[in-house]
């Protein structure tokens, strides 16, 4: 099964700021990101 690979958040493309820099430090999306990163995918059968 193929998985979607995301973009590097620190890489700049057309504009001089990265995606990570454009999101406010207190934005709730950062909490969701921390939660998803804390999940151990091995527990769900992913290799």
PDB file of N, CA and C in Angstrom:
ATOM      1  N   UNK A   1       0.843  -1.176   0.000  1.00  0.00           N
ATOM      2  CA  UNK A   1       0.000   0.000   0.000  1.00  0.00           C
ATOM      3  C   UNK A   1       0.888   1.239   0.000  1.00  0.00           C
ATOM      4  N   UNK A   2       0.554   2.189  -0.839  1.00  0.00           N
ATOM      5  CA  UNK A   2       1.341   3.410  -0.923  1.00  0.00           C
ATOM      6  C   UNK A   2       0.744   4.481  -0.010  1.00  0.00           C
ATOM      7  N   UNK A   3       1.607   5.289   0.568  1.00  0.00           N
ATOM      8  CA  UNK A   3       1.184   6.337   1.478  1.00  0.00           C
ATOM      9  C   UNK A   3       1.508   7.699   0.882  1.00  0.00           C
ATOM     10  N   UNK A   4       0.740   8.690   1.263  1.00  0.00           N
ATOM     11  CA  UNK A   4       0.970  10.052   0.810  1.00  0.00           C
ATOM     12  C   UNK A   4       2.164  10.624   1.576  1.00  0.00           C
ATOM     13  N   UNK A   5       3.110  11.150   0.853  1.00  0.00           N
ATOM     14  CA  UNK A   5       4.267  11.782   1.474  1.00  0.00           C
ATOM     15  C   UNK A   5       4.060  13.291   1.472  1.00  0.00           C
ATOM     16  N   UNK A   6       4.195  13.916   2.631  1.00  0.00           N
ATOM     17  CA  UNK A   6       3.993  15.357   2.744  1.00  0.00           C
ATOM     18  C   UNK A   6       5.226  16.143   2.333  1.00  0.00           C
ATOM     19  N   UNK A   7       5.073  17.441   2.328  1.00  0.00           N
ATOM     20  CA  UNK A   7       6.170  18.345   2.011  1.00  0.00           C
ATOM     21  C   UNK A   7       6.922  18.701   3.285  1.00  0.00           C
ATOM     22  N   UNK A   8       8.198  18.998   3.139  1.00  0.00           N
ATOM     23  CA  UNK A   8       9.009  19.459   4.259  1.00  0.00           C
ATOM     24  C   UNK A   8       8.543  20.851   4.649  1.00  0.00           C
ATOM     25  N   UNK A   9       8.202  21.052   5.900  1.00  0.00           N
ATOM     26  CA  UNK A   9       7.650  22.333   6.349  1.00  0.00           C
ATOM     27  C   UNK A   9       8.676  23.443   6.385  1.00  0.00           C
ATOM     28  N   UNK A  10       9.944  23.102   6.444  1.00  0.00           N
ATOM     29  CA  UNK A  10      10.983  24.132   6.517  1.00  0.00           C
ATOM     30  C   UNK A  10      11.506  24.519   5.142  1.00  0.00           C
ATOM     31  N   UNK A  11      11.080  23.827   4.110  1.00  0.00           N
ATOM     32  CA  UNK A  11      11.544  24.134   2.764  1.00  0.00           C
ATOM     33  C   UNK A  11      10.755  25.305   2.194  1.00  0.00           C
ATOM     34  N   UNK A  12      11.460  26.250   1.611  1.00  0.00           N
ATOM     35  CA  UNK A  12      10.783  27.375   0.979  1.00  0.00           C
ATOM     36  C   UNK A  12      10.587  27.073  -0.492  1.00  0.00           C
ATOM     37  N   UNK A  13       9.488  27.551  -1.041  1.00  0.00           N
ATOM     38  CA  UNK A  13       9.174  27.295  -2.441  1.00  0.00           C
ATOM     39  C   UNK A  13       9.223  28.610  -3.213  1.00  0.00           C
ATOM     40  N   UNK A  14       8.090  29.205  -3.428  1.00  0.00           N
ATOM     41  CA  UNK A  14       8.016  30.440  -4.195  1.00  0.00           C
ATOM     42  C   UNK A  14       8.221  31.670  -3.309  1.00  0.00           C
ATOM     43  N   UNK A  15       7.792  31.579  -2.075  1.00  0.00           N
ATOM     44  CA  UNK A  15       7.868  32.710  -1.163  1.00  0.00           C
ATOM     45  C   UNK A  15       9.006  32.498  -0.168  1.00  0.00           C
ATOM     46  N   UNK A  16       9.552  33.561   0.393  1.00  0.00           N
ATOM     47  CA  UNK A  16      10.717  33.412   1.273  1.00  0.00           C
ATOM     48  C   UNK A  16      10.419  32.788   2.636  1.00  0.00           C
ATOM     49  N   UNK A  17       9.140  32.655   3.036  1.00  0.00           N
ATOM     50  CA  UNK A  17       8.845  32.028   4.322  1.00  0.00           C
ATOM     51  C   UNK A  17       8.349  30.602   4.097  1.00  0.00           C
ATOM     52  N   UNK A  18       8.582  29.754   5.058  1.00  0.00           N
ATOM     53  CA  UNK A  18       8.141  28.363   4.955  1.00  0.00           C
ATOM     54  C   UNK A  18       6.731  28.226   5.525  1.00  0.00           C
ATOM     55  N   UNK A  19       6.127  27.073   5.305  1.00  0.00           N
ATOM     56  CA  UNK A  19       4.789  26.803   5.830  1.00  0.00           C
ATOM     57  C   UNK A  19       4.789  26.863   7.352  1.00  0.00           C
ATOM     58  N   UNK A  20       5.824  26.334   7.971  1.00  0.00           N
ATOM     59  CA  UNK A  20       5.920  26.336   9.428  1.00  0.00           C
ATOM     60  C   UNK A  20       5.989  27.760   9.975  1.00  0.00           C
ATOM     61  N   UNK A  21       6.657  28.648   9.278  1.00  0.00           N
ATOM     62  CA  UNK A  21       6.776  30.037   9.722  1.00  0.00           C
ATOM     63  C   UNK A  21       5.472  30.815   9.526  1.00  0.00           C
ATOM     64  N   UNK A  22       4.641  30.397   8.592  1.00  0.00           N
ATOM     65  CA  UNK A  22       3.415  31.134   8.319  1.00  0.00           C
ATOM     66  C   UNK A  22       2.277  30.786   9.275  1.00  0.00           C
ATOM     67  N   UNK A  23       2.443  29.731  10.093  1.00  0.00           N
ATOM     68  CA  UNK A  23       1.421  29.339  11.064  1.00  0.00           C
ATOM     69  C   UNK A  23       1.796  29.919  12.429  1.00  0.00           C
ATOM     70  N   UNK A  24       0.849  30.584  13.061  1.00  0.00           N
ATOM     71  CA  UNK A  24       1.108  31.221  14.357  1.00  0.00           C
ATOM     72  C   UNK A  24       1.494  30.174  15.404  1.00  0.00           C
ATOM     73  N   UNK A  25       2.312  30.598  16.358  1.00  0.00           N
ATOM     74  CA  UNK A  25       2.797  29.687  17.409  1.00  0.00           C
ATOM     75  C   UNK A  25       1.665  29.169  18.292  1.00  0.00           C
ATOM     76  N   UNK A  26       0.573  29.930  18.437  1.00  0.00           N
ATOM     77  CA  UNK A  26      -0.535  29.513  19.291  1.00  0.00           C
ATOM     78  C   UNK A  26      -1.714  28.938  18.495  1.00  0.00           C
ATOM     79  N   UNK A  27      -1.498  28.595  17.237  1.00  0.00           N
ATOM     80  CA  UNK A  27      -2.553  28.019  16.409  1.00  0.00           C
ATOM     81  C   UNK A  27      -2.838  26.584  16.850  1.00  0.00           C
ATOM     82  N   UNK A  28      -4.114  26.213  16.867  1.00  0.00           N
ATOM     83  CA  UNK A  28      -4.497  24.873  17.339  1.00  0.00           C
ATOM     84  C   UNK A  28      -4.011  23.749  16.428  1.00  0.00           C
ATOM     85  N   UNK A  29      -3.637  24.077  15.219  1.00  0.00           N
ATOM     86  CA  UNK A  29      -3.134  23.050  14.314  1.00  0.00           C
ATOM     87  C   UNK A  29      -1.802  22.482  14.818  1.00  0.00           C
ATOM     88  N   UNK A  30      -1.065  23.261  15.591  1.00  0.00           N
ATOM     89  CA  UNK A  30       0.193  22.772  16.171  1.00  0.00           C
ATOM     90  C   UNK A  30      -0.078  21.692  17.225  1.00  0.00           C
ATOM     91  N   UNK A  31      -1.171  21.809  17.960  1.00  0.00           N
ATOM     92  CA  UNK A  31      -1.553  20.793  18.936  1.00  0.00           C
ATOM     93  C   UNK A  31      -1.923  19.491  18.226  1.00  0.00           C
ATOM     94  N   UNK A  32      -2.666  19.607  17.144  1.00  0.00           N
ATOM     95  CA  UNK A  32      -3.033  18.424  16.356  1.00  0.00           C
ATOM     96  C   UNK A  32      -1.783  17.764  15.800  1.00  0.00           C
ATOM     97  N   UNK A  33      -0.836  18.564  15.345  1.00  0.00           N
ATOM     98  CA  UNK A  33       0.418  18.043  14.809  1.00  0.00           C
ATOM     99  C   UNK A  33       1.192  17.268  15.879  1.00  0.00           C
ATOM    100  N   UNK A  34       1.255  17.796  17.085  1.00  0.00           N
ATOM    101  CA  UNK A  34       1.939  17.098  18.179  1.00  0.00           C
ATOM    102  C   UNK A  34       1.257  15.775  18.517  1.00  0.00           C
ATOM    103  N   UNK A  35      -0.073  15.787  18.513  1.00  0.00           N
ATOM    104  CA  UNK A  35      -0.822  14.565  18.804  1.00  0.00           C
ATOM    105  C   UNK A  35      -0.551  13.492  17.753  1.00  0.00           C
ATOM    106  N   UNK A  36      -0.615  13.865  16.489  1.00  0.00           N
ATOM    107  CA  UNK A  36      -0.391  12.901  15.405  1.00  0.00           C
ATOM    108  C   UNK A  36       1.030  12.370  15.445  1.00  0.00           C
ATOM    109  N   UNK A  37       2.000  13.232  15.730  1.00  0.00           N
ATOM    110  CA  UNK A  37       3.393  12.787  15.826  1.00  0.00           C
ATOM    111  C   UNK A  37       3.623  11.851  17.003  1.00  0.00           C
ATOM    112  N   UNK A  38       2.797  11.941  18.043  1.00  0.00           N
ATOM    113  CA  UNK A  38       2.985  11.090  19.219  1.00  0.00           C
ATOM    114  C   UNK A  38       2.409   9.682  19.036  1.00  0.00           C
ATOM    115  N   UNK A  39       1.594   9.459  18.010  1.00  0.00           N
ATOM    116  CA  UNK A  39       0.990   8.152  17.776  1.00  0.00           C
ATOM    117  C   UNK A  39       2.045   7.176  17.250  1.00  0.00           C
ATOM    118  N   UNK A  40       2.125   6.010  17.856  1.00  0.00           N
ATOM    119  CA  UNK A  40       3.047   4.977  17.399  1.00  0.00           C
ATOM    120  C   UNK A  40       2.336   4.142  16.323  1.00  0.00           C
ATOM    121  N   UNK A  41       2.724   4.339  15.084  1.00  0.00           N
ATOM    122  CA  UNK A  41       2.055   3.666  13.971  1.00  0.00           C
ATOM    123  C   UNK A  41       2.315   2.171  13.957  1.00  0.00           C
ATOM    124  N   UNK A  42       3.358   1.713  14.619  1.00  0.00           N
ATOM    125  CA  UNK A  42       3.627   0.271  14.715  1.00  0.00           C
ATOM    126  C   UNK A  42       2.513  -0.456  15.450  1.00  0.00           C
ATOM    127  N   UNK A  43       1.874   0.239  16.396  1.00  0.00           N
ATOM    128  CA  UNK A  43       0.759  -0.358  17.134  1.00  0.00           C
ATOM    129  C   UNK A  43      -0.441  -0.636  16.238  1.00  0.00           C
ATOM    130  N   UNK A  44      -0.521   0.065  15.120  1.00  0.00           N
ATOM    131  CA  UNK A  44      -1.635  -0.100  14.183  1.00  0.00           C
ATOM    132  C   UNK A  44      -1.273  -0.970  12.984  1.00  0.00           C
ATOM    133  N   UNK A  45      -0.087  -1.561  13.034  1.00  0.00           N
ATOM    134  CA  UNK A  45       0.307  -2.495  11.962  1.00  0.00           C
ATOM    135  C   UNK A  45       1.085  -1.866  10.817  1.00  0.00           C
ATOM    136  N   UNK A  46       1.451  -0.592  10.918  1.00  0.00           N
ATOM    137  CA  UNK A  46       2.245   0.032   9.875  1.00  0.00           C
ATOM    138  C   UNK A  46       3.729  -0.282  10.097  1.00  0.00           C
ATOM    139  N   UNK A  47       4.453  -0.399   9.029  1.00  0.00           N
ATOM    140  CA  UNK A  47       5.895  -0.688   9.114  1.00  0.00           C
ATOM    141  C   UNK A  47       6.707   0.543   8.789  1.00  0.00           C
TER     142      UNK A  47
END
